[in-house]
Amino acid sequence: MNIMKRILNFAVVAVMAGMMTQCGNNNKTNTAPADEGDTIAVEQNTLAMVYGICGDGSAMNTLELYTDTGDTLNIALEKAKEDNKVFGGYSVGDRMAVYLDKKTMNPEVVINESTLMGNWLMPNPIDGSSILGISIKDGGIAESINQPVIIFKTWRIIDGKLEITLVREGGGDEQETNTYTLDKLDADSLIFFGPEDRFEYGRKK
């Protein structure tokens, strides 16, 4: 009997030791990824949207921005221009939206909201038999043009992209939000695309 008790005691001790070893290893394994994730989160947080007015100190490759928070920023545009990420140009008094790396002060995307606003039209993509479009207005208001099935509601620039909310006919009051990447914006053209759609508009004269 004593021999059996010793064998049982030895087995219990061995199992407990193995469990403690595994727990210790698990704790060590989980530490590194958590630290790495924290670092990535900190790096991502350096990007932010900045909104404001183009100042008279702006030049060919510099945007002077009077921000909505009361700051004055001088933003270098060489890299953004090389990457074709300056949309709509910029002139003194224009309303601007800049997706900016706050650490380096380098802009990822620069969008002229004053240029973006207006009535934009395109042929009906289904059969081309009619003209339809979107009206982008001051204050984040969006409206449909000749589109009874889709009712545009609001727009905004967020994370360097164009976000539009709408309500579809027959969908009740449920709003749908879609985010698009700008491809072109100037005095006459507005082109943006999403995961499935691409829209090419011309400004209504």
N, C-alpha and C. Protein backbone atom coordinates (compact mmCIF):
# COMPACT_ATOMS: atom_id res chain seq x y z
N MET A 1 0.83 -1.20 0.00
CA MET A 1 0.00 0.00 0.00
C MET A 1 0.87 1.25 0.00
N ASN A 2 1.95 1.24 0.79
CA ASN A 2 2.83 2.41 0.84
C ASN A 2 3.43 2.70 -0.53
N ILE A 3 3.78 1.61 -1.24
CA ILE A 3 4.35 1.79 -2.57
C ILE A 3 3.35 2.45 -3.50
N MET A 4 2.08 1.98 -3.42
CA MET A 4 1.03 2.55 -4.28
C MET A 4 0.81 4.02 -3.97
N LYS A 5 0.80 4.40 -2.69
CA LYS A 5 0.62 5.80 -2.30
C LYS A 5 1.74 6.66 -2.85
N ARG A 6 3.00 6.11 -2.77
CA ARG A 6 4.13 6.89 -3.29
C ARG A 6 4.01 7.12 -4.79
N ILE A 7 3.56 6.07 -5.51
CA ILE A 7 3.39 6.19 -6.96
C ILE A 7 2.34 7.25 -7.30
N LEU A 8 1.20 7.19 -6.56
CA LEU A 8 0.13 8.16 -6.79
C LEU A 8 0.59 9.58 -6.49
N ASN A 9 1.29 9.75 -5.39
CA ASN A 9 1.78 11.08 -5.01
C ASN A 9 2.74 11.63 -6.05
N PHE A 10 3.61 10.76 -6.55
CA PHE A 10 4.58 11.17 -7.57
C PHE A 10 3.85 11.62 -8.86
N ALA A 11 2.79 10.88 -9.24
CA ALA A 11 2.04 11.22 -10.44
C ALA A 11 1.34 12.56 -10.29
N VAL A 12 0.76 12.80 -9.13
CA VAL A 12 0.06 14.07 -8.88
C VAL A 12 1.04 15.24 -8.96
N VAL A 13 2.19 15.09 -8.33
CA VAL A 13 3.22 16.14 -8.34
C VAL A 13 3.68 16.42 -9.78
N ALA A 14 3.87 15.36 -10.56
CA ALA A 14 4.32 15.51 -11.94
C ALA A 14 3.31 16.28 -12.78
N VAL A 15 2.02 15.94 -12.62
CA VAL A 15 0.96 16.62 -13.37
C VAL A 15 0.90 18.09 -13.01
N MET A 16 0.98 18.38 -11.68
CA MET A 16 0.92 19.77 -11.23
C MET A 16 2.11 20.56 -11.74
N ALA A 17 3.27 19.95 -11.75
CA ALA A 17 4.47 20.63 -12.24
C ALA A 17 4.33 20.95 -13.72
N GLY A 18 3.77 20.00 -14.48
CA GLY A 18 3.57 20.22 -15.90
C GLY A 18 2.60 21.36 -16.16
N MET A 19 1.52 21.42 -15.35
CA MET A 19 0.55 22.50 -15.53
C MET A 19 1.15 23.85 -15.22
N MET A 20 1.98 23.90 -14.15
CA MET A 20 2.62 25.16 -13.78
C MET A 20 3.58 25.62 -14.87
N THR A 21 4.29 24.66 -15.48
CA THR A 21 5.23 24.99 -16.54
C THR A 21 4.51 25.56 -17.75
N GLN A 22 3.37 24.93 -18.10
CA GLN A 22 2.59 25.41 -19.24
C GLN A 22 2.04 26.80 -18.99
N CYS A 23 1.54 27.04 -17.78
CA CYS A 23 1.01 28.36 -17.45
C CYS A 23 2.11 29.40 -17.57
N GLY A 24 3.28 29.06 -17.09
CA GLY A 24 4.40 29.99 -17.17
C GLY A 24 4.76 30.30 -18.60
N ASN A 25 4.78 29.27 -19.45
CA ASN A 25 5.11 29.48 -20.85
C ASN A 25 4.05 30.34 -21.54
N ASN A 26 2.77 30.10 -21.20
CA ASN A 26 1.70 30.87 -21.80
C ASN A 26 1.83 32.34 -21.47
N ASN A 27 2.16 32.64 -20.25
CA ASN A 27 2.31 34.04 -19.85
C ASN A 27 3.42 34.72 -20.63
N LYS A 28 4.52 34.02 -20.86
CA LYS A 28 5.64 34.59 -21.59
C LYS A 28 5.28 34.78 -23.05
N THR A 29 4.53 33.85 -23.62
CA THR A 29 4.19 33.91 -25.03
C THR A 29 3.27 35.09 -25.32
N ASN A 30 2.34 35.39 -24.43
CA ASN A 30 1.36 36.42 -24.67
C ASN A 30 1.92 37.83 -24.52
N THR A 31 3.06 37.97 -23.88
CA THR A 31 3.59 39.30 -23.59
C THR A 31 4.05 40.03 -24.84
N ALA A 32 4.82 39.36 -25.71
CA ALA A 32 5.41 40.01 -26.87
C ALA A 32 4.38 40.55 -27.85
N PRO A 33 3.37 39.75 -28.27
CA PRO A 33 2.39 40.28 -29.22
C PRO A 33 1.64 41.49 -28.67
N ALA A 34 1.34 41.48 -27.36
CA ALA A 34 0.61 42.61 -26.78
C ALA A 34 1.43 43.88 -26.90
N ASP A 35 2.75 43.77 -26.60
CA ASP A 35 3.62 44.94 -26.70
C ASP A 35 3.69 45.43 -28.14
N GLU A 36 3.78 44.49 -29.09
CA GLU A 36 3.86 44.85 -30.50
C GLU A 36 2.58 45.55 -30.94
N GLY A 37 1.44 45.04 -30.48
CA GLY A 37 0.16 45.65 -30.83
C GLY A 37 0.05 47.06 -30.28
N ASP A 38 0.55 47.27 -29.06
CA ASP A 38 0.53 48.60 -28.48
C ASP A 38 1.34 49.57 -29.32
N THR A 39 2.49 49.12 -29.82
CA THR A 39 3.34 49.97 -30.65
C THR A 39 2.63 50.36 -31.94
N ILE A 40 1.98 49.40 -32.57
CA ILE A 40 1.26 49.67 -33.82
C ILE A 40 0.15 50.67 -33.58
N ALA A 41 -0.58 50.52 -32.48
CA ALA A 41 -1.68 51.42 -32.16
C ALA A 41 -1.18 52.85 -31.99
N VAL A 42 -0.05 53.00 -31.33
CA VAL A 42 0.52 54.34 -31.12
C VAL A 42 0.90 54.97 -32.45
N GLU A 43 1.51 54.17 -33.37
CA GLU A 43 1.90 54.70 -34.67
C GLU A 43 0.68 55.12 -35.47
N GLN A 44 -0.39 54.34 -35.44
CA GLN A 44 -1.59 54.66 -36.18
C GLN A 44 -2.25 55.93 -35.66
N ASN A 45 -2.14 56.20 -34.39
CA ASN A 45 -2.78 57.35 -33.79
C ASN A 45 -2.12 58.67 -34.20
N THR A 46 -0.99 58.64 -34.89
CA THR A 46 -0.36 59.88 -35.32
C THR A 46 -1.08 60.48 -36.52
N LEU A 47 -1.92 59.72 -37.21
CA LEU A 47 -2.68 60.23 -38.35
C LEU A 47 -4.00 60.82 -37.88
N ALA A 48 -4.33 62.01 -38.38
CA ALA A 48 -5.56 62.67 -37.95
C ALA A 48 -6.05 63.61 -39.04
N MET A 49 -7.34 63.84 -39.07
CA MET A 49 -7.92 64.82 -39.97
C MET A 49 -7.78 66.21 -39.36
N VAL A 50 -7.39 67.16 -40.21
CA VAL A 50 -7.30 68.56 -39.80
C VAL A 50 -8.11 69.37 -40.82
N TYR A 51 -8.99 70.23 -40.31
CA TYR A 51 -9.86 71.03 -41.18
C TYR A 51 -9.56 72.51 -40.97
N GLY A 52 -9.69 73.30 -42.04
CA GLY A 52 -9.44 74.72 -41.87
C GLY A 52 -9.54 75.47 -43.18
N ILE A 53 -8.98 76.69 -43.17
CA ILE A 53 -9.05 77.60 -44.31
C ILE A 53 -7.64 77.83 -44.86
N CYS A 54 -7.53 77.85 -46.18
CA CYS A 54 -6.25 78.12 -46.83
C CYS A 54 -5.86 79.58 -46.61
N GLY A 55 -4.65 79.78 -46.05
CA GLY A 55 -4.19 81.12 -45.73
C GLY A 55 -3.42 81.77 -46.86
N ASP A 56 -3.20 83.10 -46.74
CA ASP A 56 -2.52 83.84 -47.81
C ASP A 56 -1.02 83.60 -47.82
N GLY A 57 -0.50 82.81 -46.85
CA GLY A 57 0.90 82.44 -46.86
C GLY A 57 1.19 81.18 -47.65
N SER A 58 0.18 80.64 -48.31
CA SER A 58 0.36 79.43 -49.11
C SER A 58 1.17 79.75 -50.36
N ALA A 59 1.91 78.76 -50.83
CA ALA A 59 2.74 78.91 -52.03
C ALA A 59 2.60 77.67 -52.89
N MET A 60 3.45 77.54 -53.91
CA MET A 60 3.32 76.45 -54.87
C MET A 60 3.40 75.08 -54.20
N ASN A 61 4.28 74.92 -53.24
CA ASN A 61 4.44 73.63 -52.58
C ASN A 61 4.21 73.70 -51.07
N THR A 62 3.52 74.74 -50.64
CA THR A 62 3.23 74.89 -49.21
C THR A 62 1.79 75.33 -49.01
N LEU A 63 1.12 74.67 -48.08
CA LEU A 63 -0.24 75.06 -47.71
C LEU A 63 -0.21 75.66 -46.31
N GLU A 64 -0.57 76.95 -46.23
CA GLU A 64 -0.77 77.56 -44.92
C GLU A 64 -2.22 77.33 -44.53
N LEU A 65 -2.42 76.67 -43.41
CA LEU A 65 -3.76 76.27 -43.01
C LEU A 65 -4.13 76.90 -41.68
N TYR A 66 -5.20 77.70 -41.69
CA TYR A 66 -5.77 78.21 -40.45
C TYR A 66 -6.79 77.19 -39.98
N THR A 67 -6.44 76.41 -38.97
CA THR A 67 -7.27 75.28 -38.56
C THR A 67 -8.49 75.74 -37.76
N ASP A 68 -9.48 74.86 -37.71
CA ASP A 68 -10.70 75.15 -36.95
C ASP A 68 -10.43 75.26 -35.45
N THR A 69 -9.30 74.72 -35.01
CA THR A 69 -8.96 74.77 -33.59
C THR A 69 -8.10 75.99 -33.23
N GLY A 70 -7.85 76.87 -34.23
CA GLY A 70 -7.13 78.10 -33.94
C GLY A 70 -5.64 78.07 -34.19
N ASP A 71 -5.12 76.97 -34.74
CA ASP A 71 -3.70 76.88 -35.03
C ASP A 71 -3.41 77.33 -36.47
N THR A 72 -2.17 77.67 -36.72
CA THR A 72 -1.71 77.95 -38.08
C THR A 72 -0.62 76.95 -38.43
N LEU A 73 -0.87 76.15 -39.47
CA LEU A 73 0.08 75.12 -39.88
C LEU A 73 0.64 75.45 -41.25
N ASN A 74 1.92 75.22 -41.43
CA ASN A 74 2.55 75.32 -42.75
C ASN A 74 2.91 73.90 -43.19
N ILE A 75 2.19 73.41 -44.17
CA ILE A 75 2.27 72.01 -44.57
C ILE A 75 2.96 71.89 -45.91
N ALA A 76 4.06 71.13 -45.94
CA ALA A 76 4.79 70.89 -47.19
C ALA A 76 4.02 69.90 -48.06
N LEU A 77 3.89 70.24 -49.34
CA LEU A 77 3.05 69.45 -50.24
C LEU A 77 3.81 68.69 -51.33
N GLU A 78 5.14 68.77 -51.34
CA GLU A 78 5.89 68.13 -52.42
C GLU A 78 5.56 66.65 -52.56
N LYS A 79 5.63 65.91 -51.45
CA LYS A 79 5.41 64.47 -51.49
C LYS A 79 3.97 64.14 -51.88
N ALA A 80 3.01 64.87 -51.31
CA ALA A 80 1.60 64.63 -51.62
C ALA A 80 1.32 64.89 -53.10
N LYS A 81 1.95 65.91 -53.67
CA LYS A 81 1.76 66.19 -55.09
C LYS A 81 2.37 65.08 -55.95
N GLU A 82 3.55 64.62 -55.57
CA GLU A 82 4.18 63.52 -56.31
C GLU A 82 3.31 62.27 -56.31
N ASP A 83 2.61 62.04 -55.20
CA ASP A 83 1.75 60.86 -55.08
C ASP A 83 0.34 61.11 -55.62
N ASN A 84 0.10 62.29 -56.20
CA ASN A 84 -1.23 62.67 -56.73
C ASN A 84 -2.30 62.59 -55.64
N LYS A 85 -1.97 63.13 -54.47
CA LYS A 85 -2.89 63.10 -53.34
C LYS A 85 -3.36 64.50 -52.93
N VAL A 86 -3.17 65.48 -53.81
CA VAL A 86 -3.71 66.81 -53.58
C VAL A 86 -4.88 66.99 -54.53
N PHE A 87 -6.10 67.06 -54.01
CA PHE A 87 -7.31 67.06 -54.82
C PHE A 87 -8.00 68.42 -54.76
N GLY A 88 -8.23 69.00 -55.95
CA GLY A 88 -9.00 70.23 -56.01
C GLY A 88 -8.18 71.50 -55.91
N GLY A 89 -6.85 71.38 -55.84
CA GLY A 89 -6.02 72.57 -55.74
C GLY A 89 -6.23 73.30 -54.41
N TYR A 90 -5.79 74.55 -54.35
CA TYR A 90 -6.00 75.36 -53.14
C TYR A 90 -5.76 76.83 -53.47
N SER A 91 -6.65 77.66 -52.96
CA SER A 91 -6.55 79.11 -53.11
C SER A 91 -6.92 79.74 -51.78
N VAL A 92 -6.48 80.96 -51.59
CA VAL A 92 -6.75 81.66 -50.33
C VAL A 92 -8.25 81.72 -50.07
N GLY A 93 -8.63 81.31 -48.87
CA GLY A 93 -10.03 81.32 -48.47
C GLY A 93 -10.77 80.01 -48.69
N ASP A 94 -10.14 79.06 -49.40
CA ASP A 94 -10.79 77.78 -49.65
C ASP A 94 -10.86 76.96 -48.37
N ARG A 95 -11.92 76.19 -48.28
CA ARG A 95 -12.11 75.27 -47.16
C ARG A 95 -11.34 73.98 -47.47
N MET A 96 -10.42 73.56 -46.57
CA MET A 96 -9.54 72.43 -46.82
C MET A 96 -9.71 71.34 -45.76
N ALA A 97 -9.46 70.09 -46.18
CA ALA A 97 -9.43 68.94 -45.27
C ALA A 97 -8.13 68.20 -45.54
N VAL A 98 -7.33 68.01 -44.50
CA VAL A 98 -6.01 67.40 -44.65
C VAL A 98 -5.88 66.21 -43.71
N TYR A 99 -5.53 65.06 -44.29
CA TYR A 99 -5.24 63.86 -43.49
C TYR A 99 -3.75 63.89 -43.23
N LEU A 100 -3.39 64.19 -41.98
CA LEU A 100 -2.03 64.60 -41.64
C LEU A 100 -1.38 63.65 -40.64
N ASP A 101 -0.10 63.37 -40.85
CA ASP A 101 0.70 62.67 -39.86
C ASP A 101 1.19 63.71 -38.86
N LYS A 102 0.63 63.70 -37.67
CA LYS A 102 0.94 64.74 -36.68
C LYS A 102 2.38 64.67 -36.19
N LYS A 103 3.00 63.52 -36.35
CA LYS A 103 4.39 63.38 -35.89
C LYS A 103 5.37 63.99 -36.88
N THR A 104 5.18 63.74 -38.17
CA THR A 104 6.10 64.24 -39.20
C THR A 104 5.58 65.50 -39.88
N MET A 105 4.28 65.80 -39.70
CA MET A 105 3.60 66.92 -40.36
C MET A 105 3.54 66.75 -41.88
N ASN A 106 3.64 65.50 -42.34
CA ASN A 106 3.49 65.20 -43.76
C ASN A 106 2.05 64.81 -44.06
N PRO A 107 1.43 65.41 -45.07
CA PRO A 107 0.03 65.07 -45.38
C PRO A 107 -0.07 63.78 -46.20
N GLU A 108 -1.02 62.94 -45.84
CA GLU A 108 -1.32 61.75 -46.63
C GLU A 108 -2.26 62.11 -47.79
N VAL A 109 -3.27 62.94 -47.50
CA VAL A 109 -4.25 63.36 -48.50
C VAL A 109 -4.64 64.81 -48.20
N VAL A 110 -4.75 65.61 -49.27
CA VAL A 110 -5.20 67.00 -49.15
C VAL A 110 -6.40 67.19 -50.07
N ILE A 111 -7.53 67.63 -49.51
CA ILE A 111 -8.76 67.75 -50.29
C ILE A 111 -9.33 69.16 -50.12
N ASN A 112 -9.62 69.80 -51.24
CA ASN A 112 -10.24 71.12 -51.24
C ASN A 112 -11.76 70.93 -51.18
N GLU A 113 -12.34 71.17 -50.03
CA GLU A 113 -13.79 70.98 -49.88
C GLU A 113 -14.58 72.02 -50.65
N SER A 114 -14.01 73.21 -50.86
CA SER A 114 -14.69 74.24 -51.65
C SER A 114 -14.85 73.79 -53.09
N THR A 115 -13.80 73.14 -53.64
CA THR A 115 -13.88 72.60 -55.00
C THR A 115 -14.85 71.43 -55.06
N LEU A 116 -14.89 70.65 -54.00
CA LEU A 116 -15.75 69.47 -53.96
C LEU A 116 -17.23 69.84 -54.00
N MET A 117 -17.58 70.98 -53.42
CA MET A 117 -18.99 71.37 -53.35
C MET A 117 -19.50 71.83 -54.72
N GLY A 118 -20.75 71.44 -55.01
CA GLY A 118 -21.37 71.80 -56.27
C GLY A 118 -22.31 70.70 -56.73
N ASN A 119 -22.84 70.86 -57.93
CA ASN A 119 -23.73 69.86 -58.53
C ASN A 119 -22.94 69.04 -59.55
N TRP A 120 -22.93 67.73 -59.34
CA TRP A 120 -22.15 66.82 -60.17
C TRP A 120 -23.08 65.85 -60.90
N LEU A 121 -22.87 65.71 -62.22
CA LEU A 121 -23.78 64.92 -63.05
C LEU A 121 -23.03 63.85 -63.82
N MET A 122 -23.76 62.78 -64.16
CA MET A 122 -23.23 61.70 -64.99
C MET A 122 -24.39 61.01 -65.70
N PRO A 123 -24.15 60.34 -66.84
CA PRO A 123 -25.21 59.57 -67.49
C PRO A 123 -25.64 58.41 -66.59
N ASN A 124 -26.90 58.06 -66.69
CA ASN A 124 -27.41 56.92 -65.94
C ASN A 124 -26.59 55.67 -66.29
N PRO A 125 -25.90 55.07 -65.29
CA PRO A 125 -25.02 53.93 -65.60
C PRO A 125 -25.77 52.69 -66.09
N ILE A 126 -27.08 52.65 -65.91
CA ILE A 126 -27.85 51.47 -66.34
C ILE A 126 -28.04 51.47 -67.86
N ASP A 127 -28.54 52.61 -68.40
CA ASP A 127 -28.81 52.64 -69.85
C ASP A 127 -28.41 53.96 -70.51
N GLY A 128 -27.93 54.91 -69.73
CA GLY A 128 -27.50 56.18 -70.31
C GLY A 128 -28.63 57.04 -70.84
N SER A 129 -29.87 56.69 -70.50
CA SER A 129 -31.03 57.40 -71.06
C SER A 129 -31.33 58.70 -70.33
N SER A 130 -30.73 58.92 -69.19
CA SER A 130 -31.00 60.12 -68.42
C SER A 130 -29.74 60.60 -67.72
N ILE A 131 -29.82 61.78 -67.13
CA ILE A 131 -28.71 62.35 -66.38
C ILE A 131 -29.08 62.37 -64.90
N LEU A 132 -28.17 61.89 -64.08
CA LEU A 132 -28.41 61.90 -62.64
C LEU A 132 -27.14 62.36 -61.93
N GLY A 133 -27.26 62.60 -60.64
CA GLY A 133 -26.07 63.06 -59.95
C GLY A 133 -26.26 63.32 -58.48
N ILE A 134 -25.32 64.08 -57.93
CA ILE A 134 -25.31 64.39 -56.51
C ILE A 134 -24.95 65.87 -56.32
N SER A 135 -25.63 66.50 -55.40
CA SER A 135 -25.34 67.87 -55.03
C SER A 135 -24.64 67.87 -53.68
N ILE A 136 -23.40 68.36 -53.65
CA ILE A 136 -22.61 68.41 -52.42
C ILE A 136 -22.62 69.85 -51.93
N LYS A 137 -23.23 70.07 -50.77
CA LYS A 137 -23.45 71.43 -50.29
C LYS A 137 -22.68 71.71 -49.01
N ASP A 138 -22.62 73.00 -48.69
CA ASP A 138 -21.97 73.44 -47.47
C ASP A 138 -22.69 72.88 -46.25
N GLY A 139 -21.94 72.65 -45.18
CA GLY A 139 -22.54 72.14 -43.95
C GLY A 139 -22.73 70.64 -43.92
N GLY A 140 -22.10 69.93 -44.87
CA GLY A 140 -22.20 68.47 -44.87
C GLY A 140 -23.50 67.94 -45.43
N ILE A 141 -24.22 68.76 -46.18
CA ILE A 141 -25.51 68.34 -46.75
C ILE A 141 -25.29 67.80 -48.16
N ALA A 142 -25.91 66.66 -48.46
CA ALA A 142 -25.88 66.07 -49.79
C ALA A 142 -27.31 65.83 -50.26
N GLU A 143 -27.53 66.05 -51.56
CA GLU A 143 -28.86 65.83 -52.13
C GLU A 143 -28.75 65.10 -53.46
N SER A 144 -29.79 64.35 -53.78
CA SER A 144 -29.81 63.62 -55.05
C SER A 144 -30.29 64.53 -56.18
N ILE A 145 -29.80 64.26 -57.38
CA ILE A 145 -30.26 64.95 -58.58
C ILE A 145 -30.82 63.90 -59.53
N ASN A 146 -32.12 63.96 -59.78
CA ASN A 146 -32.82 63.03 -60.68
C ASN A 146 -32.64 61.57 -60.25
N GLN A 147 -32.63 61.33 -58.94
CA GLN A 147 -32.49 59.96 -58.44
C GLN A 147 -33.57 59.70 -57.38
N PRO A 148 -34.77 59.36 -57.81
CA PRO A 148 -35.84 59.11 -56.83
C PRO A 148 -35.62 57.85 -56.00
N VAL A 149 -34.82 56.93 -56.51
CA VAL A 149 -34.59 55.67 -55.80
C VAL A 149 -33.57 55.83 -54.69
N ILE A 150 -32.62 56.75 -54.87
CA ILE A 150 -31.57 56.98 -53.88
C ILE A 150 -31.66 58.42 -53.39
N ILE A 151 -31.74 58.58 -52.08
CA ILE A 151 -31.82 59.92 -51.48
C ILE A 151 -30.54 60.15 -50.68
N PHE A 152 -29.67 60.99 -51.22
CA PHE A 152 -28.45 61.34 -50.49
C PHE A 152 -28.80 62.25 -49.32
N LYS A 153 -28.08 62.07 -48.22
CA LYS A 153 -28.38 62.83 -46.99
C LYS A 153 -27.23 63.72 -46.55
N THR A 154 -26.06 63.12 -46.31
CA THR A 154 -24.92 63.88 -45.79
C THR A 154 -23.62 63.43 -46.44
N TRP A 155 -22.60 64.27 -46.28
CA TRP A 155 -21.26 63.92 -46.74
C TRP A 155 -20.24 64.48 -45.75
N ARG A 156 -19.05 63.89 -45.75
CA ARG A 156 -17.95 64.42 -44.97
C ARG A 156 -16.64 63.79 -45.47
N ILE A 157 -15.54 64.45 -45.15
CA ILE A 157 -14.21 63.90 -45.42
C ILE A 157 -13.68 63.33 -44.12
N ILE A 158 -13.40 62.03 -44.11
CA ILE A 158 -12.90 61.37 -42.90
C ILE A 158 -11.80 60.39 -43.30
N ASP A 159 -10.69 60.43 -42.57
CA ASP A 159 -9.53 59.57 -42.88
C ASP A 159 -9.09 59.71 -44.33
N GLY A 160 -9.20 60.91 -44.86
CA GLY A 160 -8.76 61.17 -46.22
C GLY A 160 -9.68 60.65 -47.30
N LYS A 161 -10.89 60.22 -46.94
CA LYS A 161 -11.83 59.66 -47.91
C LYS A 161 -13.18 60.38 -47.84
N LEU A 162 -13.97 60.21 -48.89
CA LEU A 162 -15.29 60.81 -48.98
C LEU A 162 -16.33 59.83 -48.44
N GLU A 163 -17.04 60.25 -47.41
CA GLU A 163 -18.08 59.41 -46.82
C GLU A 163 -19.45 60.02 -47.13
N ILE A 164 -20.35 59.20 -47.68
CA ILE A 164 -21.69 59.67 -48.06
C ILE A 164 -22.73 58.77 -47.41
N THR A 165 -23.73 59.39 -46.80
CA THR A 165 -24.85 58.63 -46.25
C THR A 165 -26.07 58.83 -47.15
N LEU A 166 -26.88 57.78 -47.26
CA LEU A 166 -28.05 57.84 -48.13
C LEU A 166 -29.15 56.93 -47.60
N VAL A 167 -30.32 57.10 -48.16
CA VAL A 167 -31.46 56.23 -47.87
C VAL A 167 -31.99 55.73 -49.21
N ARG A 168 -32.22 54.43 -49.30
CA ARG A 168 -32.75 53.84 -50.53
C ARG A 168 -34.26 53.73 -50.46
N GLU A 169 -34.91 53.89 -51.60
CA GLU A 169 -36.38 53.78 -51.66
C GLU A 169 -36.82 52.39 -51.22
N GLY A 170 -37.78 52.34 -50.34
CA GLY A 170 -38.27 51.06 -49.83
C GLY A 170 -37.49 50.56 -48.64
N GLY A 171 -36.45 51.29 -48.24
CA GLY A 171 -35.64 50.86 -47.10
C GLY A 171 -36.02 51.50 -45.79
N GLY A 172 -37.19 52.18 -45.77
CA GLY A 172 -37.60 52.87 -44.56
C GLY A 172 -36.70 54.07 -44.29
N ASP A 173 -36.42 54.29 -43.03
CA ASP A 173 -35.56 55.41 -42.64
C ASP A 173 -34.13 54.95 -42.36
N GLU A 174 -33.82 53.70 -42.70
CA GLU A 174 -32.49 53.17 -42.41
C GLU A 174 -31.45 53.80 -43.33
N GLN A 175 -30.44 54.42 -42.72
CA GLN A 175 -29.40 55.07 -43.49
C GLN A 175 -28.27 54.10 -43.83
N GLU A 176 -27.71 54.31 -45.00
CA GLU A 176 -26.57 53.52 -45.48
C GLU A 176 -25.37 54.45 -45.62
N THR A 177 -24.24 54.03 -45.12
CA THR A 177 -23.04 54.86 -45.19
C THR A 177 -22.00 54.17 -46.07
N ASN A 178 -21.51 54.90 -47.08
CA ASN A 178 -20.51 54.37 -47.99
C ASN A 178 -19.28 55.28 -47.98
N THR A 179 -18.10 54.67 -48.05
CA THR A 179 -16.85 55.42 -48.03
C THR A 179 -16.12 55.21 -49.36
N TYR A 180 -15.65 56.32 -49.94
CA TYR A 180 -15.03 56.26 -51.27
C TYR A 180 -13.65 56.93 -51.26
N THR A 181 -12.79 56.44 -52.13
CA THR A 181 -11.47 57.01 -52.33
C THR A 181 -11.50 57.95 -53.52
N LEU A 182 -11.01 59.16 -53.35
CA LEU A 182 -10.98 60.11 -54.45
C LEU A 182 -9.90 59.72 -55.46
N ASP A 183 -10.24 59.85 -56.74
CA ASP A 183 -9.29 59.59 -57.81
C ASP A 183 -8.96 60.87 -58.58
N LYS A 184 -9.96 61.77 -58.66
CA LYS A 184 -9.74 63.04 -59.35
C LYS A 184 -10.74 64.07 -58.85
N LEU A 185 -10.25 65.30 -58.68
CA LEU A 185 -11.11 66.41 -58.32
C LEU A 185 -10.49 67.70 -58.86
N ASP A 186 -11.23 68.38 -59.73
CA ASP A 186 -10.81 69.69 -60.21
C ASP A 186 -12.06 70.51 -60.49
N ALA A 187 -11.90 71.60 -61.22
CA ALA A 187 -13.04 72.49 -61.45
C ALA A 187 -14.16 71.82 -62.23
N ASP A 188 -13.82 70.80 -63.04
CA ASP A 188 -14.82 70.20 -63.93
C ASP A 188 -15.12 68.74 -63.66
N SER A 189 -14.25 68.04 -62.93
CA SER A 189 -14.40 66.58 -62.79
C SER A 189 -14.33 66.14 -61.34
N LEU A 190 -15.13 65.12 -61.03
CA LEU A 190 -15.10 64.46 -59.73
C LEU A 190 -15.19 62.96 -59.98
N ILE A 191 -14.14 62.24 -59.60
CA ILE A 191 -14.11 60.78 -59.77
C ILE A 191 -13.74 60.16 -58.43
N PHE A 192 -14.56 59.20 -58.01
CA PHE A 192 -14.24 58.46 -56.79
C PHE A 192 -14.72 57.02 -56.93
N PHE A 193 -14.17 56.14 -56.10
CA PHE A 193 -14.50 54.73 -56.23
C PHE A 193 -14.53 54.07 -54.86
N GLY A 194 -15.28 52.94 -54.83
CA GLY A 194 -15.35 52.11 -53.63
C GLY A 194 -14.96 50.69 -53.98
N PRO A 195 -15.24 49.76 -53.09
CA PRO A 195 -14.88 48.36 -53.35
C PRO A 195 -15.53 47.79 -54.60
N GLU A 196 -16.75 48.27 -54.93
CA GLU A 196 -17.49 47.68 -56.05
C GLU A 196 -17.86 48.69 -57.14
N ASP A 197 -17.86 49.97 -56.84
CA ASP A 197 -18.38 50.97 -57.77
C ASP A 197 -17.34 52.05 -58.06
N ARG A 198 -17.47 52.64 -59.23
CA ARG A 198 -16.65 53.79 -59.63
C ARG A 198 -17.59 54.83 -60.23
N PHE A 199 -17.47 56.08 -59.79
CA PHE A 199 -18.36 57.13 -60.24
C PHE A 199 -17.53 58.24 -60.89
N GLU A 200 -17.93 58.64 -62.11
CA GLU A 200 -17.24 59.67 -62.84
C GLU A 200 -18.23 60.78 -63.18
N TYR A 201 -18.10 61.91 -62.48
CA TYR A 201 -19.04 63.02 -62.61
C TYR A 201 -18.38 64.20 -63.31
N GLY A 202 -19.21 65.01 -63.95
CA GLY A 202 -18.81 66.31 -64.47
C GLY A 202 -19.62 67.39 -63.77
N ARG A 203 -19.01 68.54 -63.56
CA ARG A 203 -19.73 69.61 -62.87
C ARG A 203 -20.82 70.19 -63.76
N LYS A 204 -21.97 70.43 -63.16
CA LYS A 204 -23.09 71.05 -63.87
C LYS A 204 -22.74 72.50 -64.17
N LYS A 205 -22.85 72.90 -65.43
CA LYS A 205 -22.51 74.26 -65.84
C LYS A 205 -23.64 75.22 -65.51
